[in-house]
Protein backbone atom coordinates (compact mmCIF):
# COMPACT_ATOMS: atom_id res chain seq x y z
CA MET A 1 -64.20 -88.56 60.58
CA ASN A 2 -60.36 -88.61 61.17
CA ILE A 3 -58.32 -88.35 57.79
CA ALA A 4 -54.67 -89.50 57.78
CA VAL A 5 -52.70 -87.59 55.36
CA PHE A 6 -49.11 -89.03 54.35
CA CYS A 7 -47.22 -86.66 52.32
CA SER A 8 -43.64 -84.97 52.03
CA SER A 9 -41.89 -83.14 54.76
CA SER A 10 -39.14 -81.64 52.35
CA ASN A 11 -39.04 -78.18 51.88
CA HIS A 12 -37.32 -78.47 48.48
CA ILE A 13 -40.32 -79.45 46.51
CA ALA A 14 -42.36 -77.51 43.92
CA ASP A 15 -44.85 -74.67 45.45
CA LYS A 16 -47.62 -76.54 43.20
CA TYR A 17 -47.68 -79.44 45.45
CA LYS A 18 -47.44 -77.07 48.75
CA GLN A 19 -50.61 -75.53 47.50
CA VAL A 20 -52.39 -78.75 46.98
CA GLY A 21 -51.60 -79.66 50.48
CA PHE A 22 -52.65 -76.31 51.78
CA GLN A 23 -55.88 -76.78 49.96
CA LEU A 24 -56.70 -80.27 51.14
CA GLY A 25 -56.05 -79.03 54.76
CA GLN A 26 -58.75 -76.35 54.22
CA LEU A 27 -61.27 -78.88 52.64
CA ILE A 28 -60.61 -81.32 55.37
CA ALA A 29 -61.17 -78.51 58.25
CA GLU A 30 -64.27 -77.06 56.21
CA SER A 31 -65.78 -80.46 55.99
CA ASP A 32 -65.68 -80.76 59.89
CA ASP A 33 -63.19 -83.62 59.65
CA THR A 34 -60.08 -84.18 61.63
CA LEU A 35 -56.57 -84.14 60.08
CA VAL A 36 -54.44 -86.62 61.43
CA TYR A 37 -50.75 -86.56 60.25
CA GLY A 38 -47.03 -86.82 61.13
CA GLY A 39 -46.92 -83.54 63.31
CA ALA A 40 -43.52 -82.72 61.94
CA THR A 41 -42.54 -79.15 59.99
CA GLY A 42 -41.66 -79.06 56.55
CA GLY A 43 -43.07 -79.39 52.98
CA LEU A 44 -46.30 -80.67 52.37
CA MET A 45 -46.72 -81.64 56.06
CA ASP A 46 -46.53 -77.55 57.00
CA SER A 47 -48.88 -76.87 54.01
CA VAL A 48 -51.55 -79.20 55.00
CA SER A 49 -51.45 -78.16 58.51
CA GLU A 50 -51.65 -74.76 57.66
CA GLY A 51 -54.60 -75.07 55.53
CA ALA A 52 -56.46 -76.83 58.22
CA THR A 53 -55.43 -74.08 60.74
CA SER A 54 -56.55 -71.39 58.62
CA LYS A 55 -60.16 -72.70 58.79
CA GLU A 56 -59.79 -73.48 62.65
CA GLY A 57 -59.61 -77.29 61.83
CA THR A 58 -58.73 -80.05 64.41
CA ILE A 59 -55.43 -81.42 63.92
CA ILE A 60 -53.71 -84.50 65.53
CA GLY A 61 -50.12 -84.72 64.96
CA VAL A 62 -48.37 -88.07 65.87
CA ILE A 63 -44.76 -87.58 66.08
CA PRO A 64 -41.52 -89.81 66.91
CA GLN A 65 -39.21 -88.70 69.09
CA ALA A 66 -36.22 -88.86 66.43
CA VAL A 67 -38.21 -85.83 64.59
CA ILE A 68 -38.46 -83.90 67.98
CA ARG A 69 -34.93 -84.32 68.45
CA MET A 70 -34.56 -82.85 65.02
CA ASN A 71 -36.38 -79.73 66.09
CA ARG A 72 -39.03 -80.41 63.66
CA GLN A 73 -42.06 -80.40 65.90
CA SER A 74 -44.82 -78.37 64.51
CA ALA A 75 -46.70 -76.00 66.97
CA LEU A 76 -49.99 -76.44 64.84
CA PRO A 77 -51.73 -79.55 65.97
CA THR A 78 -54.35 -78.82 68.28
CA GLN A 79 -53.45 -82.16 69.84
CA LEU A 80 -50.01 -83.63 69.77
CA ILE A 81 -49.12 -87.41 70.42
CA SER A 82 -45.58 -88.15 71.13
CA VAL A 83 -44.40 -91.76 70.04
CA GLU A 84 -41.19 -93.57 70.63
CA THR A 85 -40.45 -94.60 66.66
CA MET A 86 -41.60 -94.51 63.23
CA SER A 87 -43.29 -97.68 63.40
CA GLU A 88 -45.36 -96.51 66.57
CA ARG A 89 -46.32 -93.59 64.65
CA LYS A 90 -47.76 -95.75 61.76
CA ALA A 91 -49.55 -97.78 64.18
CA THR A 92 -50.97 -94.74 65.95
CA MET A 93 -52.12 -93.06 62.87
CA LYS A 94 -53.56 -96.33 61.47
CA GLU A 95 -55.51 -96.67 64.76
CA LEU A 96 -56.90 -93.05 64.94
CA SER A 97 -57.93 -92.77 61.39
CA ASP A 98 -61.04 -93.73 59.58
CA ILE A 99 -59.64 -93.09 56.02
CA PHE A 100 -56.15 -92.33 54.45
CA VAL A 101 -55.16 -90.05 51.88
CA VAL A 102 -51.61 -90.02 50.14
CA LEU A 103 -50.36 -86.83 48.71
CA PRO A 104 -46.93 -86.73 46.88
CA GLY A 105 -43.85 -87.64 49.08
CA SER A 106 -40.86 -89.84 49.28
CA TYR A 107 -39.57 -92.92 51.24
CA GLY A 108 -41.61 -91.92 54.38
CA THR A 109 -44.73 -91.30 52.31
CA LEU A 110 -44.52 -94.83 50.56
CA ASP A 111 -43.57 -96.43 53.81
CA GLU A 112 -46.78 -95.28 55.35
CA MET A 113 -48.87 -96.00 52.50
CA MET A 114 -47.54 -99.66 52.02
CA ASP A 115 -48.11 -100.34 55.74
CA ILE A 116 -51.64 -99.55 55.26
CA VAL A 117 -52.05 -101.27 52.08
CA THR A 118 -50.31 -104.49 53.39
CA SER A 119 -52.12 -104.42 56.82
CA ALA A 120 -55.33 -104.46 54.93
CA VAL A 121 -54.28 -107.28 52.49
CA VAL A 122 -53.72 -109.30 55.83
CA GLY A 123 -57.18 -108.37 57.06
CA GLU A 124 -56.03 -105.94 59.69
CA HIS A 125 -58.39 -103.22 58.72
CA LYS A 126 -60.92 -102.37 56.02
CA LYS A 127 -60.25 -98.72 55.79
CA PRO A 128 -59.88 -96.97 52.48
CA LEU A 129 -56.89 -95.27 51.27
CA ILE A 130 -57.17 -92.76 48.38
CA LEU A 131 -53.97 -91.98 46.53
CA VAL A 132 -53.71 -88.69 45.02
CA ASN A 133 -51.83 -88.78 41.79
CA GLN A 134 -51.46 -85.02 41.53
CA ASP A 135 -49.88 -84.12 38.01
CA GLY A 136 -49.06 -87.70 37.37
CA PHE A 137 -46.79 -87.81 40.25
CA TYR A 138 -47.40 -91.45 41.06
CA ASN A 139 -47.35 -92.72 37.38
CA GLN A 140 -44.36 -94.63 37.50
CA PHE A 141 -45.14 -96.10 40.77
CA LEU A 142 -48.85 -97.04 39.44
CA GLY A 143 -46.95 -98.86 36.48
CA GLN A 144 -44.77 -101.11 38.89
CA ILE A 145 -48.12 -101.92 40.61
CA GLU A 146 -49.91 -102.90 37.47
CA LEU A 147 -46.80 -105.02 36.39
CA MET A 148 -46.97 -106.64 39.61
CA ARG A 149 -50.40 -107.42 39.13
CA ASN A 150 -50.00 -108.43 35.53
CA GLU A 151 -47.09 -110.92 36.66
CA LEU A 152 -49.70 -112.31 39.54
CA PHE A 153 -47.47 -111.03 42.36
CA ILE A 154 -50.66 -109.14 43.31
CA PRO A 155 -54.04 -111.18 43.23
CA VAL A 156 -56.86 -109.34 41.60
CA GLU A 157 -59.13 -109.68 44.59
CA ASN A 158 -56.40 -107.89 47.17
CA TYR A 159 -57.10 -104.44 48.50
CA LYS A 160 -55.95 -101.84 46.64
CA PRO A 161 -55.56 -98.02 46.72
CA ILE A 162 -58.15 -95.94 45.28
CA ILE A 163 -56.59 -93.76 42.70
CA VAL A 164 -57.71 -89.96 41.97
CA GLN A 165 -56.04 -87.31 40.06
CA ASP A 166 -56.66 -84.29 42.48
CA ILE A 167 -57.80 -83.26 45.86
CA ASN A 168 -61.38 -82.50 44.60
CA GLU A 169 -62.07 -85.92 43.51
CA CYS A 170 -60.31 -87.09 46.82
CA MET A 171 -62.74 -84.96 48.86
CA GLU A 172 -65.70 -86.35 46.60
CA LEU A 173 -64.75 -89.83 47.73
CA ILE A 174 -64.66 -89.04 51.28
CA THR A 175 -68.00 -87.23 51.23
CA GLN A 176 -69.44 -90.75 49.77
CA PHE A 177 -67.45 -92.65 52.54
CA LYS A 178 -68.99 -90.66 55.04
CA ASN A 179 -72.57 -91.08 53.96
CA SER A 180 -72.42 -94.74 53.35
């Protein structure tokens, strides 16, 4: 199974998040799944790819030219796909992946997650998205989603992310999806 992981590339984040990323990369590799990620260096991107590498996992990096020009191309992917734009990166990752996992991140992570959600809402795919709310990182974001749902901006029947509190719950769900 190809598992896309959307996450922070910031080096300024707390080590606790980097440890979670590293462990998730290890678990993906140990499950004989393939990590699909943004192919860049920094933050959780390094952590998740280093974790997969530590267990000799298969890693597909999808990296836009702008990130390559910033000298942030990772050497860890076993396959690196170079694309022109961030939009093309999202489309390629969406096409390659069977399931999506969102770890803590910033604008790019939210953009990637919302692209998956909105494309599912309009019927482009039926792939699951798991949001890892590690240490309550996404609590305020989830509150905004609840407000939008309560005010009927989001219909009850719409596709929605699956919320978990840690990577162990995340991997349990991935195993269930693999076995179904």
